[in-house]
Amino acid sequence: MDVTPLRIAGKMQVTLPKPQVAGGPAPAAPVFDTVNINFSYDKSIKQVVVTLYDAHTGEVVREIPAEKIRHFIACMMEMLAPQFEARV
């Protein structure tokens, strides 16, 4: 897929508060203190893609929309494009 990084004022870091667990065990899911956010434009689906990275490890935490969803949208757009082509 053809993804182009968007030019937004530098790198963005967000510090997330740790969830408070009242009287219970620690959460099973990993807790990320700081994430880097990357905005890019996917030309194949004509949408912005948001990728969240763990600031310490560089691991991708979440991608919105997910790769599988982007692939599905691109396939649907390719299949339906002939239906909507303008004929003069």
Protein backbone atom coordinates (compact mmCIF):
# COMPACT_ATOMS: atom_id res chain seq x y z
CA MET A 1 0.00 0.00 0.00
CA ASP A 2 1.18 3.50 -0.77
CA VAL A 3 1.41 5.38 2.54
CA THR A 4 2.81 8.92 2.64
CA PRO A 5 3.86 10.55 5.93
CA LEU A 6 1.98 13.77 6.65
CA ARG A 7 3.99 16.86 7.44
CA ILE A 8 2.78 17.90 10.87
CA ALA A 9 4.80 20.09 13.23
CA GLY A 10 7.39 17.51 14.27
CA LYS A 11 7.05 14.37 16.33
CA MET A 12 4.22 14.19 18.81
CA GLN A 13 4.54 12.49 22.18
CA VAL A 14 1.65 11.88 24.52
CA THR A 15 2.02 10.80 28.13
CA LEU A 16 -0.83 8.58 29.25
CA PRO A 17 -1.83 8.21 32.89
CA LYS A 18 -1.39 4.74 34.34
CA PRO A 19 -4.73 3.10 35.14
CA GLN A 20 -5.55 2.88 38.82
CA VAL A 21 -6.57 -0.58 39.97
CA ALA A 22 -8.49 -0.44 43.24
CA GLY A 23 -7.76 -3.50 45.38
CA GLY A 24 -7.14 -5.82 42.44
CA PRO A 25 -4.25 -7.31 40.51
CA ALA A 26 -2.29 -5.31 37.98
CA PRO A 27 -3.85 -5.12 34.50
CA ALA A 28 -2.93 -8.01 32.19
CA ALA A 29 -2.46 -5.75 29.15
CA PRO A 30 0.81 -3.84 28.88
CA VAL A 31 0.68 -0.24 30.05
CA PHE A 32 2.47 2.32 27.92
CA ASP A 33 3.54 5.53 29.67
CA THR A 34 4.47 7.47 26.57
CA VAL A 35 3.52 6.88 22.96
CA ASN A 36 4.70 8.50 19.74
CA ILE A 37 1.96 9.30 17.27
CA ASN A 38 2.56 9.22 13.53
CA PHE A 39 0.01 10.52 11.02
CA SER A 40 0.32 9.37 7.41
CA TYR A 41 -1.87 9.42 4.31
CA ASP A 42 -2.68 6.17 2.52
CA LYS A 43 -3.23 7.05 -1.15
CA SER A 44 -4.84 3.70 -1.97
CA ILE A 45 -7.80 4.33 0.37
CA LYS A 46 -7.56 8.15 0.48
CA GLN A 47 -7.54 8.26 4.29
CA VAL A 48 -5.27 9.31 7.13
CA VAL A 49 -3.61 6.47 9.04
CA VAL A 50 -2.68 6.98 12.70
CA THR A 51 0.09 4.80 14.14
CA LEU A 52 0.87 4.72 17.87
CA TYR A 53 4.37 3.59 18.92
CA ASP A 54 5.72 2.84 22.39
CA ALA A 55 8.24 5.64 22.94
CA HIS A 56 10.70 3.38 24.78
CA THR A 57 10.77 0.31 22.51
CA GLY A 58 9.48 1.66 19.18
CA GLU A 59 6.93 -1.17 19.09
CA VAL A 60 3.70 -0.44 17.21
CA VAL A 61 0.95 -0.30 19.83
CA ARG A 62 -1.99 0.38 17.51
CA GLU A 63 -2.67 1.39 13.94
CA ILE A 64 -5.95 3.07 12.97
CA PRO A 65 -7.38 1.82 10.68
CA ALA A 66 -5.68 -1.57 10.96
CA GLU A 67 -3.67 -2.96 8.02
CA LYS A 68 -6.29 -5.64 7.30
CA ILE A 69 -9.05 -3.03 7.19
CA ARG A 70 -7.02 -0.80 4.86
CA HIS A 71 -6.37 -3.75 2.56
CA PHE A 72 -10.09 -4.63 2.56
CA ILE A 73 -11.08 -1.02 1.76
CA ALA A 74 -8.52 -0.84 -1.07
CA CYS A 75 -9.85 -4.10 -2.58
CA MET A 76 -13.46 -2.91 -2.32
CA MET A 77 -12.59 0.43 -3.92
CA GLU A 78 -10.81 -1.38 -6.75
CA MET A 79 -13.78 -3.69 -7.33
CA LEU A 80 -16.37 -0.92 -7.21
CA ALA A 81 -14.46 1.74 -9.16
CA PRO A 82 -15.77 0.60 -12.58
CA GLN A 83 -19.34 0.89 -11.26
CA PHE A 84 -18.92 4.61 -10.56
CA GLU A 85 -16.82 5.74 -13.51
CA ALA A 86 -18.43 8.65 -15.31
CA ARG A 87 -19.41 7.93 -18.87
CA VAL A 88 -19.93 10.88 -21.18
